[in-house]
C-alpha cells in the first residue's frame, strides 16, 4: 500500500455497487471517520463513487475517491507485476490525504 501499513485500515468489498454491506459495517464500527471509495474506474464506478461520497460526507469527517489507474484494482496489480522496482519508484506519487 505505497508505504502504508495495511493493518492500520479496514477494507470491505461491496460486490457491485450496492451499499448495504458498507452501511452495516459502518454502523458496527463507529470509530471509523475516514472513508476512501475505490470502485471501478469506469463510467458506472465513477458515477456511483460521486453519489456515495456525497452521501458519506454528510456523516463522516472525510470521504474521498481512490481510483485505480486502469479499469479496476486487479488490472492495476497485473500491470504492476510486469514492472521493475525502478519503474515503480519513478511512478510513485501517492500521498495520503487523511
N, C-alpha and C. Protein backbone atom coordinates (compact mmCIF):
# COMPACT_ATOMS: atom_id res chain seq x y z
N UNK A 1 0.82 -1.21 0.00
CA UNK A 1 0.00 0.00 0.00
C UNK A 1 0.85 1.26 0.00
N UNK A 2 1.82 1.30 -0.85
CA UNK A 2 2.60 2.51 -1.06
C UNK A 2 3.18 3.06 0.23
N UNK A 3 3.82 2.21 1.00
CA UNK A 3 4.48 2.66 2.22
C UNK A 3 3.61 2.69 3.45
N UNK A 4 2.33 2.43 3.33
CA UNK A 4 1.44 2.43 4.48
C UNK A 4 1.26 1.01 5.00
N UNK A 5 0.96 0.88 6.27
CA UNK A 5 0.74 -0.43 6.87
C UNK A 5 -0.72 -0.81 6.66
N UNK A 6 -0.97 -1.88 5.91
CA UNK A 6 -2.33 -2.31 5.59
C UNK A 6 -3.14 -2.65 6.83
N UNK A 7 -2.46 -2.93 7.94
CA UNK A 7 -3.18 -3.29 9.17
C UNK A 7 -3.79 -2.08 9.87
N UNK A 8 -3.45 -0.88 9.43
CA UNK A 8 -3.99 0.34 10.03
C UNK A 8 -5.33 0.75 9.44
N UNK A 9 -5.84 -0.02 8.48
CA UNK A 9 -7.08 0.34 7.80
C UNK A 9 -8.02 -0.85 7.74
N UNK A 10 -9.28 -0.55 7.47
CA UNK A 10 -10.30 -1.57 7.24
C UNK A 10 -10.64 -1.54 5.76
N UNK A 11 -11.02 -2.69 5.22
CA UNK A 11 -11.45 -2.77 3.83
C UNK A 11 -12.70 -3.62 3.75
N UNK A 12 -13.59 -3.24 2.84
CA UNK A 12 -14.80 -4.02 2.63
C UNK A 12 -15.10 -4.04 1.13
N UNK A 13 -15.42 -5.20 0.61
CA UNK A 13 -15.80 -5.33 -0.80
C UNK A 13 -17.31 -5.14 -0.91
N UNK A 14 -17.72 -4.29 -1.83
CA UNK A 14 -19.15 -4.02 -1.99
C UNK A 14 -19.83 -5.02 -2.91
N UNK A 15 -19.05 -5.82 -3.62
CA UNK A 15 -19.60 -6.82 -4.56
C UNK A 15 -20.61 -6.19 -5.51
N UNK A 16 -20.18 -5.16 -6.17
CA UNK A 16 -21.05 -4.43 -7.08
C UNK A 16 -21.17 -3.00 -6.60
N UNK A 17 -22.32 -2.40 -6.81
CA UNK A 17 -22.50 -1.00 -6.42
C UNK A 17 -23.52 -0.83 -5.32
N UNK A 18 -23.94 -1.91 -4.66
CA UNK A 18 -24.86 -1.81 -3.53
C UNK A 18 -24.13 -1.39 -2.27
N UNK A 19 -24.84 -0.74 -1.36
CA UNK A 19 -24.21 -0.18 -0.17
C UNK A 19 -24.62 -0.86 1.13
N UNK A 20 -25.45 -1.89 1.09
CA UNK A 20 -25.97 -2.49 2.32
C UNK A 20 -24.84 -3.00 3.23
N UNK A 21 -23.86 -3.67 2.66
CA UNK A 21 -22.74 -4.18 3.45
C UNK A 21 -21.93 -3.06 4.07
N UNK A 22 -21.72 -2.00 3.33
CA UNK A 22 -20.98 -0.85 3.84
C UNK A 22 -21.74 -0.18 4.97
N UNK A 23 -23.04 0.02 4.79
CA UNK A 23 -23.86 0.65 5.84
C UNK A 23 -23.77 -0.15 7.14
N UNK A 24 -23.89 -1.45 7.05
CA UNK A 24 -23.81 -2.29 8.25
C UNK A 24 -22.42 -2.22 8.87
N UNK A 25 -21.39 -2.31 8.05
CA UNK A 25 -20.02 -2.26 8.54
C UNK A 25 -19.76 -0.95 9.29
N UNK A 26 -20.21 0.15 8.74
CA UNK A 26 -20.00 1.45 9.39
C UNK A 26 -20.82 1.58 10.67
N UNK A 27 -22.02 1.03 10.70
CA UNK A 27 -22.83 1.02 11.93
C UNK A 27 -22.13 0.24 13.03
N UNK A 28 -21.52 -0.89 12.66
CA UNK A 28 -20.88 -1.76 13.65
C UNK A 28 -19.47 -1.29 14.03
N UNK A 29 -18.94 -0.30 13.35
CA UNK A 29 -17.60 0.23 13.61
C UNK A 29 -17.63 1.75 13.69
N UNK A 30 -18.24 2.30 14.76
CA UNK A 30 -18.42 3.75 14.85
C UNK A 30 -17.11 4.53 14.97
N UNK A 31 -15.99 3.86 15.21
CA UNK A 31 -14.70 4.55 15.31
C UNK A 31 -14.18 5.01 13.94
N UNK A 32 -14.75 4.51 12.87
CA UNK A 32 -14.29 4.88 11.53
C UNK A 32 -14.80 6.28 11.18
N UNK A 33 -13.85 7.15 10.83
CA UNK A 33 -14.20 8.53 10.49
C UNK A 33 -13.81 8.90 9.07
N UNK A 34 -12.92 8.13 8.45
CA UNK A 34 -12.45 8.41 7.10
C UNK A 34 -12.82 7.25 6.19
N UNK A 35 -13.40 7.57 5.04
CA UNK A 35 -13.80 6.54 4.09
C UNK A 35 -13.21 6.86 2.73
N UNK A 36 -12.50 5.89 2.17
CA UNK A 36 -11.98 6.02 0.81
C UNK A 36 -12.79 5.09 -0.08
N UNK A 37 -13.40 5.64 -1.11
CA UNK A 37 -14.23 4.88 -2.03
C UNK A 37 -13.35 4.45 -3.21
N UNK A 38 -13.33 3.14 -3.50
CA UNK A 38 -12.44 2.62 -4.54
C UNK A 38 -13.20 1.69 -5.48
N UNK A 39 -14.22 2.23 -6.13
CA UNK A 39 -14.97 1.45 -7.10
C UNK A 39 -14.22 1.44 -8.43
N UNK A 40 -14.71 0.68 -9.40
CA UNK A 40 -14.06 0.58 -10.70
C UNK A 40 -13.88 1.96 -11.34
N UNK A 41 -12.83 2.06 -12.13
CA UNK A 41 -12.53 3.29 -12.84
C UNK A 41 -13.18 3.24 -14.23
N UNK A 42 -14.52 3.25 -14.22
CA UNK A 42 -15.30 3.29 -15.46
C UNK A 42 -16.48 4.21 -15.22
N UNK A 43 -17.33 4.38 -16.21
CA UNK A 43 -18.43 5.34 -16.09
C UNK A 43 -19.33 5.05 -14.89
N UNK A 44 -19.74 3.80 -14.73
CA UNK A 44 -20.62 3.44 -13.62
C UNK A 44 -19.91 3.61 -12.29
N UNK A 45 -18.69 3.12 -12.19
CA UNK A 45 -17.94 3.23 -10.94
C UNK A 45 -17.69 4.68 -10.55
N UNK A 46 -17.38 5.52 -11.51
CA UNK A 46 -17.14 6.94 -11.24
C UNK A 46 -18.42 7.64 -10.79
N UNK A 47 -19.53 7.36 -11.46
CA UNK A 47 -20.81 7.97 -11.09
C UNK A 47 -21.24 7.52 -9.70
N UNK A 48 -21.15 6.22 -9.43
CA UNK A 48 -21.56 5.70 -8.12
C UNK A 48 -20.64 6.20 -7.01
N UNK A 49 -19.36 6.38 -7.33
CA UNK A 49 -18.42 6.92 -6.34
C UNK A 49 -18.83 8.33 -5.93
N UNK A 50 -19.18 9.16 -6.91
CA UNK A 50 -19.61 10.52 -6.60
C UNK A 50 -20.83 10.52 -5.69
N UNK A 51 -21.80 9.67 -5.99
CA UNK A 51 -23.01 9.58 -5.17
C UNK A 51 -22.67 9.11 -3.76
N UNK A 52 -21.86 8.06 -3.66
CA UNK A 52 -21.50 7.51 -2.36
C UNK A 52 -20.71 8.52 -1.52
N UNK A 53 -19.78 9.22 -2.13
CA UNK A 53 -19.00 10.23 -1.40
C UNK A 53 -19.91 11.33 -0.89
N UNK A 54 -20.85 11.76 -1.70
CA UNK A 54 -21.78 12.80 -1.28
C UNK A 54 -22.61 12.33 -0.08
N UNK A 55 -23.11 11.09 -0.13
CA UNK A 55 -23.90 10.54 0.97
C UNK A 55 -23.05 10.38 2.24
N UNK A 56 -21.84 9.88 2.10
CA UNK A 56 -20.97 9.67 3.27
C UNK A 56 -20.50 10.98 3.87
N UNK A 57 -20.32 12.00 3.06
CA UNK A 57 -19.83 13.29 3.56
C UNK A 57 -20.77 13.93 4.57
N UNK A 58 -22.04 13.58 4.51
CA UNK A 58 -23.00 14.11 5.48
C UNK A 58 -22.78 13.52 6.87
N UNK A 59 -22.13 12.35 6.95
CA UNK A 59 -22.00 11.66 8.24
C UNK A 59 -20.58 11.45 8.71
N UNK A 60 -19.58 11.60 7.87
CA UNK A 60 -18.20 11.29 8.26
C UNK A 60 -17.30 12.49 8.06
N UNK A 61 -16.19 12.50 8.77
CA UNK A 61 -15.25 13.62 8.68
C UNK A 61 -14.67 13.77 7.28
N UNK A 62 -14.43 12.63 6.61
CA UNK A 62 -13.82 12.71 5.28
C UNK A 62 -14.26 11.51 4.44
N UNK A 63 -14.59 11.79 3.20
CA UNK A 63 -14.89 10.73 2.23
C UNK A 63 -14.24 11.17 0.93
N UNK A 64 -13.43 10.29 0.35
CA UNK A 64 -12.72 10.65 -0.88
C UNK A 64 -12.67 9.47 -1.83
N UNK A 65 -12.29 9.75 -3.05
CA UNK A 65 -12.20 8.74 -4.11
C UNK A 65 -10.77 8.27 -4.26
N UNK A 66 -10.57 6.97 -4.26
CA UNK A 66 -9.30 6.34 -4.61
C UNK A 66 -9.55 5.62 -5.93
N UNK A 67 -8.88 6.02 -6.97
CA UNK A 67 -9.15 5.47 -8.28
C UNK A 67 -7.97 4.66 -8.79
N UNK A 68 -8.27 3.50 -9.36
CA UNK A 68 -7.22 2.72 -10.00
C UNK A 68 -6.78 3.43 -11.26
N UNK A 69 -5.58 3.13 -11.72
CA UNK A 69 -5.11 3.75 -12.96
C UNK A 69 -5.77 3.13 -14.17
N UNK A 70 -6.02 1.82 -14.10
CA UNK A 70 -6.69 1.11 -15.18
C UNK A 70 -8.16 0.92 -14.82
N UNK A 71 -8.86 -0.03 -15.42
CA UNK A 71 -10.29 -0.20 -15.16
C UNK A 71 -10.60 -0.56 -13.72
N UNK A 72 -9.79 -1.43 -13.14
CA UNK A 72 -10.04 -1.81 -11.75
C UNK A 72 -8.72 -2.16 -11.07
N UNK A 73 -8.78 -2.43 -9.77
CA UNK A 73 -7.57 -2.68 -8.99
C UNK A 73 -6.88 -3.97 -9.42
N UNK A 74 -7.62 -4.97 -9.84
CA UNK A 74 -6.99 -6.20 -10.31
C UNK A 74 -6.14 -5.93 -11.55
N UNK A 75 -6.63 -5.12 -12.47
CA UNK A 75 -5.85 -4.78 -13.67
C UNK A 75 -4.59 -4.02 -13.27
N UNK A 76 -4.69 -3.15 -12.27
CA UNK A 76 -3.51 -2.43 -11.78
C UNK A 76 -2.48 -3.41 -11.23
N UNK A 77 -2.92 -4.40 -10.46
CA UNK A 77 -1.99 -5.37 -9.87
C UNK A 77 -1.29 -6.19 -10.95
N UNK A 78 -2.03 -6.60 -11.96
CA UNK A 78 -1.43 -7.36 -13.06
C UNK A 78 -0.39 -6.50 -13.77
N UNK A 79 -0.72 -5.23 -13.97
CA UNK A 79 0.21 -4.30 -14.62
C UNK A 79 1.46 -4.09 -13.76
N UNK A 80 1.28 -3.96 -12.45
CA UNK A 80 2.42 -3.76 -11.55
C UNK A 80 3.37 -4.95 -11.56
N UNK A 81 2.82 -6.13 -11.66
CA UNK A 81 3.63 -7.34 -11.65
C UNK A 81 4.64 -7.35 -12.79
N UNK A 82 4.30 -6.70 -13.88
CA UNK A 82 5.18 -6.71 -15.05
C UNK A 82 6.23 -5.60 -15.03
N UNK A 83 6.21 -4.74 -14.01
CA UNK A 83 7.14 -3.61 -13.96
C UNK A 83 8.30 -3.88 -13.02
N UNK A 84 9.42 -3.22 -13.27
CA UNK A 84 10.58 -3.34 -12.40
C UNK A 84 10.42 -2.43 -11.19
N UNK A 85 11.20 -2.68 -10.16
CA UNK A 85 11.17 -1.86 -8.95
C UNK A 85 11.53 -0.41 -9.27
N UNK A 86 12.48 -0.20 -10.16
CA UNK A 86 12.87 1.16 -10.53
C UNK A 86 11.72 1.89 -11.23
N UNK A 87 11.01 1.21 -12.11
CA UNK A 87 9.86 1.83 -12.78
C UNK A 87 8.81 2.22 -11.75
N UNK A 88 8.58 1.37 -10.77
CA UNK A 88 7.58 1.66 -9.75
C UNK A 88 7.97 2.87 -8.91
N UNK A 89 9.24 2.98 -8.58
CA UNK A 89 9.70 4.14 -7.80
C UNK A 89 9.51 5.43 -8.58
N UNK A 90 9.77 5.40 -9.87
CA UNK A 90 9.60 6.59 -10.71
C UNK A 90 8.14 7.02 -10.80
N UNK A 91 7.23 6.06 -10.74
CA UNK A 91 5.81 6.38 -10.87
C UNK A 91 5.16 6.73 -9.54
N UNK A 92 5.84 6.49 -8.43
CA UNK A 92 5.25 6.73 -7.11
C UNK A 92 4.90 8.20 -6.94
N UNK A 93 3.65 8.45 -6.64
CA UNK A 93 3.19 9.83 -6.46
C UNK A 93 2.13 9.92 -5.38
N UNK A 94 1.94 8.86 -4.63
CA UNK A 94 0.84 8.79 -3.66
C UNK A 94 1.20 9.49 -2.37
N UNK A 95 0.30 10.33 -1.89
CA UNK A 95 0.42 10.94 -0.58
C UNK A 95 -0.95 10.89 0.06
N UNK A 96 -1.08 10.21 1.20
CA UNK A 96 -2.39 10.10 1.83
C UNK A 96 -2.95 11.48 2.21
N UNK A 97 -4.25 11.63 2.04
CA UNK A 97 -4.90 12.90 2.36
C UNK A 97 -5.46 12.93 3.77
N UNK A 98 -5.56 11.78 4.42
CA UNK A 98 -6.16 11.76 5.76
C UNK A 98 -5.15 12.08 6.81
